[in-house]
Amino acid sequence: MTDPFKSVLAKDGLLFFSTHGEFVVERSQRFPKFYGLSPEQIETVKLQYTKDGFGYADYHKNPGYGISLSAEWVHRLLKLYSFDMAAFMPAAWDKHQDVWAVKPKTTQ
């Protein structure tokens, strides 16, 4: 499998990105209307997330655009592509999304 970041990230570079994680799982159950999902969609996303580490559902009015939950899936992806975590900040982006900083794994 080809590393999708090898051509754009320097060997000592950092990659920053954000995802929805545990905060959004909990908040979606407490405030389902906030995300524009039905109770059934929220339950499905949570079950997918619990089972596979990744869950997704489209917003009702925006097919192909929606909410995803992905913390455990990201951990697996980082290992697959040989990244080390430089930092993980839960709910750090707008007090909502988890922020990740990763770097290429150093070889000795």
Protein backbone atom coordinates (compact mmCIF):
# COMPACT_ATOMS: atom_id res chain seq x y z
CA MET A 1 0.00 0.00 0.00
CA THR A 2 1.39 3.40 -0.99
CA ASP A 3 1.88 6.04 1.68
CA PRO A 4 -0.40 8.95 0.66
CA PHE A 5 1.66 11.53 2.57
CA LYS A 6 5.21 10.59 1.57
CA SER A 7 5.28 13.00 -1.37
CA VAL A 8 3.91 16.00 0.55
CA LEU A 9 5.34 15.67 4.06
CA ALA A 10 9.02 16.19 4.83
CA LYS A 11 10.71 13.46 6.87
CA ASP A 12 10.72 15.79 9.89
CA GLY A 13 7.36 17.43 9.05
CA LEU A 14 4.18 17.48 11.11
CA LEU A 15 0.70 16.72 9.83
CA PHE A 16 -2.20 18.35 11.70
CA PHE A 17 -5.84 17.32 11.26
CA SER A 18 -9.06 17.16 13.23
CA THR A 19 -11.72 14.51 13.68
CA HIS A 20 -14.84 13.91 15.71
CA GLY A 21 -14.24 11.64 18.68
CA GLU A 22 -15.63 10.80 22.11
CA PHE A 23 -16.89 14.32 22.78
CA VAL A 24 -19.10 14.18 19.68
CA VAL A 25 -20.28 10.65 20.50
CA GLU A 26 -21.50 11.85 23.89
CA ARG A 27 -22.87 15.16 22.59
CA SER A 28 -24.76 13.55 19.71
CA GLN A 29 -26.66 11.41 22.18
CA ARG A 30 -27.44 14.31 24.51
CA PHE A 31 -28.27 16.83 21.76
CA PRO A 32 -29.26 14.87 18.62
CA LYS A 33 -30.81 17.88 16.86
CA PHE A 34 -27.47 19.73 17.05
CA TYR A 35 -26.09 17.44 14.33
CA GLY A 36 -29.26 17.25 12.26
CA LEU A 37 -29.46 13.48 12.55
CA SER A 38 -32.36 11.26 13.48
CA PRO A 39 -32.11 9.15 16.64
CA GLU A 40 -31.77 6.10 14.36
CA GLN A 41 -28.84 7.66 12.50
CA ILE A 42 -27.10 8.57 15.73
CA GLU A 43 -27.51 5.02 17.02
CA THR A 44 -26.18 3.60 13.73
CA VAL A 45 -23.14 5.89 13.76
CA LYS A 46 -22.41 5.02 17.37
CA LEU A 47 -22.74 1.26 16.69
CA GLN A 48 -20.42 1.53 13.66
CA TYR A 49 -17.94 3.53 15.73
CA THR A 50 -18.05 1.02 18.59
CA LYS A 51 -17.69 -1.97 16.27
CA ASP A 52 -15.21 -0.70 13.65
CA GLY A 53 -13.67 2.45 15.14
CA PHE A 54 -15.35 4.53 12.42
CA GLY A 55 -18.95 5.64 11.98
CA TYR A 56 -20.60 7.91 9.41
CA ALA A 57 -24.03 9.27 8.50
CA ASP A 58 -25.11 11.86 5.92
CA TYR A 59 -26.87 14.99 7.10
CA HIS A 60 -30.53 14.84 5.99
CA LYS A 61 -30.29 17.84 3.66
CA ASN A 62 -26.75 17.18 2.36
CA PRO A 63 -26.22 13.72 0.86
CA GLY A 64 -22.51 12.91 0.69
CA TYR A 65 -21.77 15.29 3.57
CA GLY A 66 -22.27 14.33 7.16
CA ILE A 67 -20.82 13.42 10.52
CA SER A 68 -18.08 10.91 11.17
CA LEU A 69 -16.58 9.45 14.33
CA SER A 70 -13.12 8.05 13.93
CA ALA A 71 -10.66 8.04 16.86
CA GLU A 72 -9.77 4.32 16.93
CA TRP A 73 -9.75 4.13 13.13
CA VAL A 74 -7.20 6.99 13.05
CA HIS A 75 -4.94 5.09 15.46
CA ARG A 76 -4.98 2.06 13.14
CA LEU A 77 -4.32 4.23 10.08
CA LEU A 78 -1.33 5.89 11.76
CA LYS A 79 0.22 2.49 12.46
CA LEU A 80 -0.48 1.31 8.91
CA TYR A 81 1.33 4.31 7.42
CA SER A 82 4.13 4.37 10.01
CA PHE A 83 3.31 7.61 11.78
CA ASP A 84 4.05 8.52 15.37
CA MET A 85 1.69 10.72 17.30
CA ALA A 86 3.32 14.02 18.26
CA ALA A 87 0.22 15.33 20.05
CA PHE A 88 -3.45 14.53 20.59
CA MET A 89 -5.78 17.19 21.94
CA PRO A 90 -9.35 16.03 22.61
CA ALA A 91 -12.05 18.57 21.69
CA ALA A 92 -9.37 21.23 21.11
CA TRP A 93 -10.68 22.63 17.81
CA ASP A 94 -13.52 24.99 18.67
CA LYS A 95 -13.99 22.99 21.90
CA HIS A 96 -15.48 20.28 19.69
CA GLN A 97 -13.16 18.35 17.37
CA ASP A 98 -10.12 16.33 18.39
CA VAL A 99 -6.85 17.68 17.00
CA TRP A 100 -4.04 15.36 15.97
CA ALA A 101 -0.41 16.14 15.18
CA VAL A 102 1.53 13.27 13.65
CA LYS A 103 4.99 12.82 12.19
CA PRO A 104 6.63 10.14 10.08
CA LYS A 105 7.99 7.31 12.17
CA THR A 106 11.71 7.65 12.66
CA THR A 107 13.82 4.71 11.57
CA GLN A 108 16.93 3.81 13.52
